[in-house]
Amino acid sequence: MNELTDEQTKRQDFVDNAIYHLIQEVNPAGKTIDWNIEMIGDVRDVIREWLVERMNIASEQTFYPYLQE
């Protein structure tokens, strides 16, 4: 069974946490927003589109590693 390496897992955690903190920072209500991986994933998809597809400055694997099927 394939697994992500420790470095790949750390990268995923870094990206997801950075997005979560960004959401907290830009929230004008000042109310804490609960962790919501669906929301984080939606934001991550937009960032990935810009960095990987439009700007071509990262690959999908370097931006957010995943296991290939």
PDB file of N, CA and C in Angstrom:
ATOM      1  N   MET A   1       0.835  -1.192   0.000  1.00  0.00           N
ATOM      2  CA  MET A   1       0.000   0.000   0.000  1.00  0.00           C
ATOM      3  C   MET A   1       0.874   1.247   0.000  1.00  0.00           C
ATOM      4  N   ASN A   2       0.614   2.149  -0.905  1.00  0.00           N
ATOM      5  CA  ASN A   2       1.371   3.387  -0.993  1.00  0.00           C
ATOM      6  C   ASN A   2       0.932   4.363   0.082  1.00  0.00           C
ATOM      7  N   GLU A   3       1.881   5.142   0.568  1.00  0.00           N
ATOM      8  CA  GLU A   3       1.591   6.183   1.546  1.00  0.00           C
ATOM      9  C   GLU A   3       2.389   7.425   1.194  1.00  0.00           C
ATOM     10  N   LEU A   4       1.884   8.562   1.612  1.00  0.00           N
ATOM     11  CA  LEU A   4       2.643   9.789   1.450  1.00  0.00           C
ATOM     12  C   LEU A   4       3.861   9.748   2.362  1.00  0.00           C
ATOM     13  N   THR A   5       4.938  10.373   1.922  1.00  0.00           N
ATOM     14  CA  THR A   5       6.111  10.490   2.787  1.00  0.00           C
ATOM     15  C   THR A   5       5.823  11.513   3.883  1.00  0.00           C
ATOM     16  N   ASP A   6       6.668  11.531   4.891  1.00  0.00           N
ATOM     17  CA  ASP A   6       6.509  12.523   5.960  1.00  0.00           C
ATOM     18  C   ASP A   6       6.568  13.941   5.400  1.00  0.00           C
ATOM     19  N   GLU A   7       7.470  14.169   4.452  1.00  0.00           N
ATOM     20  CA  GLU A   7       7.595  15.497   3.843  1.00  0.00           C
ATOM     21  C   GLU A   7       6.334  15.877   3.070  1.00  0.00           C
ATOM     22  N   GLN A   8       5.759  14.931   2.364  1.00  0.00           N
ATOM     23  CA  GLN A   8       4.525  15.209   1.620  1.00  0.00           C
ATOM     24  C   GLN A   8       3.371  15.520   2.570  1.00  0.00           C
ATOM     25  N   THR A   9       3.281  14.776   3.657  1.00  0.00           N
ATOM     26  CA  THR A   9       2.239  15.026   4.648  1.00  0.00           C
ATOM     27  C   THR A   9       2.438  16.401   5.294  1.00  0.00           C
ATOM     28  N   LYS A  10       3.686  16.741   5.584  1.00  0.00           N
ATOM     29  CA  LYS A  10       3.979  18.063   6.158  1.00  0.00           C
ATOM     30  C   LYS A  10       3.578  19.164   5.185  1.00  0.00           C
ATOM     31  N   ARG A  11       3.817  18.954   3.907  1.00  0.00           N
ATOM     32  CA  ARG A  11       3.440  19.958   2.898  1.00  0.00           C
ATOM     33  C   ARG A  11       1.924  20.122   2.845  1.00  0.00           C
ATOM     34  N   GLN A  12       1.179  19.005   2.849  1.00  0.00           N
ATOM     35  CA  GLN A  12      -0.280  19.097   2.870  1.00  0.00           C
ATOM     36  C   GLN A  12      -0.760  19.853   4.104  1.00  0.00           C
ATOM     37  N   ASP A  13      -0.216  19.506   5.267  1.00  0.00           N
ATOM     38  CA  ASP A  13      -0.609  20.185   6.508  1.00  0.00           C
ATOM     39  C   ASP A  13      -0.289  21.677   6.442  1.00  0.00           C
ATOM     40  N   PHE A  14       0.886  22.015   5.893  1.00  0.00           N
ATOM     41  CA  PHE A  14       1.282  23.414   5.778  1.00  0.00           C
ATOM     42  C   PHE A  14       0.291  24.196   4.913  1.00  0.00           C
ATOM     43  N   VAL A  15      -0.044  23.644   3.752  1.00  0.00           N
ATOM     44  CA  VAL A  15      -0.949  24.331   2.826  1.00  0.00           C
ATOM     45  C   VAL A  15      -2.333  24.490   3.457  1.00  0.00           C
ATOM     46  N   ASP A  16      -2.872  23.407   4.011  1.00  0.00           N
ATOM     47  CA  ASP A  16      -4.207  23.473   4.611  1.00  0.00           C
ATOM     48  C   ASP A  16      -4.247  24.443   5.789  1.00  0.00           C
ATOM     49  N   ASN A  17      -3.232  24.423   6.625  1.00  0.00           N
ATOM     50  CA  ASN A  17      -3.192  25.347   7.765  1.00  0.00           C
ATOM     51  C   ASN A  17      -3.023  26.793   7.329  1.00  0.00           C
ATOM     52  N   ALA A  18      -2.200  27.033   6.300  1.00  0.00           N
ATOM     53  CA  ALA A  18      -2.024  28.400   5.794  1.00  0.00           C
ATOM     54  C   ALA A  18      -3.341  28.945   5.252  1.00  0.00           C
ATOM     55  N   ILE A  19      -4.086  28.120   4.543  1.00  0.00           N
ATOM     56  CA  ILE A  19      -5.381  28.540   4.005  1.00  0.00           C
ATOM     57  C   ILE A  19      -6.359  28.803   5.137  1.00  0.00           C
ATOM     58  N   TYR A  20      -6.386  27.937   6.139  1.00  0.00           N
ATOM     59  CA  TYR A  20      -7.279  28.128   7.286  1.00  0.00           C
ATOM     60  C   TYR A  20      -6.963  29.450   7.996  1.00  0.00           C
ATOM     61  N   HIS A  21      -5.680  29.726   8.202  1.00  0.00           N
ATOM     62  CA  HIS A  21      -5.293  30.981   8.862  1.00  0.00           C
ATOM     63  C   HIS A  21      -5.645  32.193   8.001  1.00  0.00           C
ATOM     64  N   LEU A  22      -5.492  32.079   6.700  1.00  0.00           N
ATOM     65  CA  LEU A  22      -5.884  33.157   5.793  1.00  0.00           C
ATOM     66  C   LEU A  22      -7.375  33.446   5.928  1.00  0.00           C
ATOM     67  N   ILE A  23      -8.179  32.406   5.947  1.00  0.00           N
ATOM     68  CA  ILE A  23      -9.628  32.576   6.094  1.00  0.00           C
ATOM     69  C   ILE A  23      -9.938  33.297   7.400  1.00  0.00           C
ATOM     70  N   GLN A  24      -9.256  32.928   8.469  1.00  0.00           N
ATOM     71  CA  GLN A  24      -9.466  33.588   9.757  1.00  0.00           C
ATOM     72  C   GLN A  24      -9.077  35.071   9.677  1.00  0.00           C
ATOM     73  N   GLU A  25      -7.968  35.364   9.037  1.00  0.00           N
ATOM     74  CA  GLU A  25      -7.457  36.736   8.961  1.00  0.00           C
ATOM     75  C   GLU A  25      -8.343  37.656   8.128  1.00  0.00           C
ATOM     76  N   VAL A  26      -8.898  37.145   7.050  1.00  0.00           N
ATOM     77  CA  VAL A  26      -9.696  38.003   6.173  1.00  0.00           C
ATOM     78  C   VAL A  26     -11.159  38.065   6.578  1.00  0.00           C
ATOM     79  N   ASN A  27     -11.545  37.308   7.582  1.00  0.00           N
ATOM     80  CA  ASN A  27     -12.918  37.298   8.069  1.00  0.00           C
ATOM     81  C   ASN A  27     -13.228  38.613   8.779  1.00  0.00           C
ATOM     82  N   PRO A  28     -14.085  39.463   8.212  1.00  0.00           N
ATOM     83  CA  PRO A  28     -14.347  40.772   8.808  1.00  0.00           C
ATOM     84  C   PRO A  28     -15.180  40.706  10.092  1.00  0.00           C
ATOM     85  N   ALA A  29     -15.847  39.594  10.335  1.00  0.00           N
ATOM     86  CA  ALA A  29     -16.703  39.487  11.516  1.00  0.00           C
ATOM     87  C   ALA A  29     -15.893  39.288  12.789  1.00  0.00           C
ATOM     88  N   GLY A  30     -14.655  38.845  12.656  1.00  0.00           N
ATOM     89  CA  GLY A  30     -13.834  38.615  13.826  1.00  0.00           C
ATOM     90  C   GLY A  30     -14.237  37.375  14.606  1.00  0.00           C
ATOM     91  N   LYS A  31     -15.258  36.683  14.149  1.00  0.00           N
ATOM     92  CA  LYS A  31     -15.715  35.457  14.795  1.00  0.00           C
ATOM     93  C   LYS A  31     -14.894  34.293  14.243  1.00  0.00           C
ATOM     94  N   THR A  32     -14.471  33.411  15.134  1.00  0.00           N
ATOM     95  CA  THR A  32     -13.696  32.260  14.702  1.00  0.00           C
ATOM     96  C   THR A  32     -14.540  31.360  13.803  1.00  0.00           C
ATOM     97  N   ILE A  33     -13.950  30.951  12.706  1.00  0.00           N
ATOM     98  CA  ILE A  33     -14.598  30.029  11.779  1.00  0.00           C
ATOM     99  C   ILE A  33     -14.023  28.642  12.065  1.00  0.00           C
ATOM    100  N   ASP A  34     -14.892  27.676  12.261  1.00  0.00           N
ATOM    101  CA  ASP A  34     -14.446  26.314  12.524  1.00  0.00           C
ATOM    102  C   ASP A  34     -13.704  25.753  11.325  1.00  0.00           C
ATOM    103  N   TRP A  35     -12.790  24.827  11.629  1.00  0.00           N
ATOM    104  CA  TRP A  35     -12.066  24.108  10.578  1.00  0.00           C
ATOM    105  C   TRP A  35     -13.083  23.417   9.688  1.00  0.00           C
ATOM    106  N   ASN A  36     -12.983  23.655   8.382  1.00  0.00           N
ATOM    107  CA  ASN A  36     -13.908  23.054   7.434  1.00  0.00           C
ATOM    108  C   ASN A  36     -13.092  22.649   6.214  1.00  0.00           C
ATOM    109  N   ILE A  37     -12.765  21.367   6.117  1.00  0.00           N
ATOM    110  CA  ILE A  37     -11.885  20.910   5.049  1.00  0.00           C
ATOM    111  C   ILE A  37     -12.507  21.089   3.674  1.00  0.00           C
ATOM    112  N   GLU A  38     -13.833  21.106   3.583  1.00  0.00           N
ATOM    113  CA  GLU A  38     -14.467  21.357   2.284  1.00  0.00           C
ATOM    114  C   GLU A  38     -14.182  22.787   1.828  1.00  0.00           C
ATOM    115  N   MET A  39     -14.326  23.751   2.739  1.00  0.00           N
ATOM    116  CA  MET A  39     -14.039  25.145   2.410  1.00  0.00           C
ATOM    117  C   MET A  39     -12.550  25.314   2.091  1.00  0.00           C
ATOM    118  N   ILE A  40     -11.703  24.716   2.918  1.00  0.00           N
ATOM    119  CA  ILE A  40     -10.258  24.799   2.702  1.00  0.00           C
ATOM    120  C   ILE A  40      -9.909  24.188   1.346  1.00  0.00           C
ATOM    121  N   GLY A  41     -10.512  23.061   1.014  1.00  0.00           N
ATOM    122  CA  GLY A  41     -10.261  22.416  -0.272  1.00  0.00           C
ATOM    123  C   GLY A  41     -10.687  23.270  -1.455  1.00  0.00           C
ATOM    124  N   ASP A  42     -11.812  23.965  -1.309  1.00  0.00           N
ATOM    125  CA  ASP A  42     -12.272  24.850  -2.384  1.00  0.00           C
ATOM    126  C   ASP A  42     -11.266  25.978  -2.620  1.00  0.00           C
ATOM    127  N   VAL A  43     -10.776  26.577  -1.541  1.00  0.00           N
ATOM    128  CA  VAL A  43      -9.781  27.655  -1.652  1.00  0.00           C
ATOM    129  C   VAL A  43      -8.483  27.087  -2.225  1.00  0.00           C
ATOM    130  N   ARG A  44      -8.083  25.920  -1.753  1.00  0.00           N
ATOM    131  CA  ARG A  44      -6.859  25.266  -2.243  1.00  0.00           C
ATOM    132  C   ARG A  44      -6.947  25.024  -3.745  1.00  0.00           C
ATOM    133  N   ASP A  45      -8.109  24.615  -4.237  1.00  0.00           N
ATOM    134  CA  ASP A  45      -8.278  24.379  -5.670  1.00  0.00           C
ATOM    135  C   ASP A  45      -8.056  25.642  -6.493  1.00  0.00           C
ATOM    136  N   VAL A  46      -8.525  26.767  -5.997  1.00  0.00           N
ATOM    137  CA  VAL A  46      -8.335  28.036  -6.713  1.00  0.00           C
ATOM    138  C   VAL A  46      -6.857  28.424  -6.710  1.00  0.00           C
ATOM    139  N   ILE A  47      -6.204  28.289  -5.567  1.00  0.00           N
ATOM    140  CA  ILE A  47      -4.773  28.612  -5.488  1.00  0.00           C
ATOM    141  C   ILE A  47      -3.977  27.692  -6.402  1.00  0.00           C
ATOM    142  N   ARG A  48      -4.305  26.382  -6.384  1.00  0.00           N
ATOM    143  CA  ARG A  48      -3.627  25.420  -7.258  1.00  0.00           C
ATOM    144  C   ARG A  48      -3.798  25.799  -8.722  1.00  0.00           C
ATOM    145  N   GLU A  49      -5.014  26.185  -9.091  1.00  0.00           N
ATOM    146  CA  GLU A  49      -5.250  26.578 -10.480  1.00  0.00           C
ATOM    147  C   GLU A  49      -4.327  27.721 -10.880  1.00  0.00           C
ATOM    148  N   TRP A  50      -4.196  28.708 -10.014  1.00  0.00           N
ATOM    149  CA  TRP A  50      -3.344  29.846 -10.334  1.00  0.00           C
ATOM    150  C   TRP A  50      -1.868  29.461 -10.375  1.00  0.00           C
ATOM    151  N   LEU A  51      -1.376  28.761  -9.366  1.00  0.00           N
ATOM    152  CA  LEU A  51       0.050  28.444  -9.302  1.00  0.00           C
ATOM    153  C   LEU A  51       0.479  27.380 -10.305  1.00  0.00           C
ATOM    154  N   VAL A  52      -0.367  26.394 -10.523  1.00  0.00           N
ATOM    155  CA  VAL A  52       0.003  25.271 -11.387  1.00  0.00           C
ATOM    156  C   VAL A  52      -0.387  25.513 -12.838  1.00  0.00           C
ATOM    157  N   GLU A  53      -1.637  25.864 -13.066  1.00  0.00           N
ATOM    158  CA  GLU A  53      -2.133  25.951 -14.433  1.00  0.00           C
ATOM    159  C   GLU A  53      -1.898  27.304 -15.095  1.00  0.00           C
ATOM    160  N   ARG A  54      -2.195  28.363 -14.384  1.00  0.00           N
ATOM    161  CA  ARG A  54      -2.102  29.680 -15.024  1.00  0.00           C
ATOM    162  C   ARG A  54      -0.695  30.258 -14.996  1.00  0.00           C
ATOM    163  N   MET A  55      -0.022  30.163 -13.857  1.00  0.00           N
ATOM    164  CA  MET A  55       1.309  30.761 -13.737  1.00  0.00           C
ATOM    165  C   MET A  55       2.430  29.772 -14.041  1.00  0.00           C
ATOM    166  N   ASN A  56       2.091  28.467 -13.987  1.00  0.00           N
ATOM    167  CA  ASN A  56       3.059  27.417 -14.285  1.00  0.00           C
ATOM    168  C   ASN A  56       4.346  27.558 -13.469  1.00  0.00           C
ATOM    169  N   ILE A  57       4.179  27.816 -12.155  1.00  0.00           N
ATOM    170  CA  ILE A  57       5.360  27.961 -11.291  1.00  0.00           C
ATOM    171  C   ILE A  57       5.515  26.794 -10.319  1.00  0.00           C
ATOM    172  N   ALA A  58       4.598  25.848 -10.361  1.00  0.00           N
ATOM    173  CA  ALA A  58       4.685  24.659  -9.509  1.00  0.00           C
ATOM    174  C   ALA A  58       3.945  23.525 -10.210  1.00  0.00           C
ATOM    175  N   SER A  59       4.312  22.315  -9.846  1.00  0.00           N
ATOM    176  CA  SER A  59       3.532  21.168 -10.318  1.00  0.00           C
ATOM    177  C   SER A  59       2.476  20.874  -9.262  1.00  0.00           C
ATOM    178  N   GLU A  60       1.499  20.071  -9.636  1.00  0.00           N
ATOM    179  CA  GLU A  60       0.475  19.695  -8.656  1.00  0.00           C
ATOM    180  C   GLU A  60       1.113  18.999  -7.465  1.00  0.00           C
ATOM    181  N   GLN A  61       2.084  18.138  -7.728  1.00  0.00           N
ATOM    182  CA  GLN A  61       2.729  17.366  -6.655  1.00  0.00           C
ATOM    183  C   GLN A  61       3.558  18.248  -5.723  1.00  0.00           C
ATOM    184  N   THR A  62       4.190  19.290  -6.248  1.00  0.00           N
ATOM    185  CA  THR A  62       4.974  20.154  -5.358  1.00  0.00           C
ATOM    186  C   THR A  62       4.079  21.109  -4.590  1.00  0.00           C
ATOM    187  N   PHE A  63       2.964  21.505  -5.198  1.00  0.00           N
ATOM    188  CA  PHE A  63       2.037  22.376  -4.484  1.00  0.00           C
ATOM    189  C   PHE A  63       1.305  21.616  -3.388  1.00  0.00           C
ATOM    190  N   TYR A  64       0.687  20.495  -3.716  1.00  0.00           N
ATOM    191  CA  TYR A  64      -0.088  19.708  -2.750  1.00  0.00           C
ATOM    192  C   TYR A  64       0.040  18.233  -3.123  1.00  0.00           C
ATOM    193  N   PRO A  65       1.028  17.551  -2.535  1.00  0.00           N
ATOM    194  CA  PRO A  65       1.296  16.164  -2.908  1.00  0.00           C
ATOM    195  C   PRO A  65       0.086  15.249  -2.681  1.00  0.00           C
ATOM    196  N   TYR A  66      -0.024  14.247  -3.515  1.00  0.00           N
ATOM    197  CA  TYR A  66      -1.100  13.262  -3.392  1.00  0.00           C
ATOM    198  C   TYR A  66      -0.603  11.951  -3.969  1.00  0.00           C
ATOM    199  N   LEU A  67      -1.308  10.880  -3.629  1.00  0.00           N
ATOM    200  CA  LEU A  67      -0.976   9.566  -4.164  1.00  0.00           C
ATOM    201  C   LEU A  67      -1.640   9.394  -5.513  1.00  0.00           C
ATOM    202  N   GLN A  68      -0.880   8.921  -6.469  1.00  0.00           N
ATOM    203  CA  GLN A  68      -1.441   8.668  -7.787  1.00  0.00           C
ATOM    204  C   GLN A  68      -1.994   7.261  -7.818  1.00  0.00           C
ATOM    205  N   GLU A  69      -3.156   7.115  -8.406  1.00  0.00           N
ATOM    206  CA  GLU A  69      -3.815   5.797  -8.462  1.00  0.00           C
ATOM    207  C   GLU A  69      -3.348   5.006  -9.639  1.00  0.00           C
TER     208      GLU A  69
END
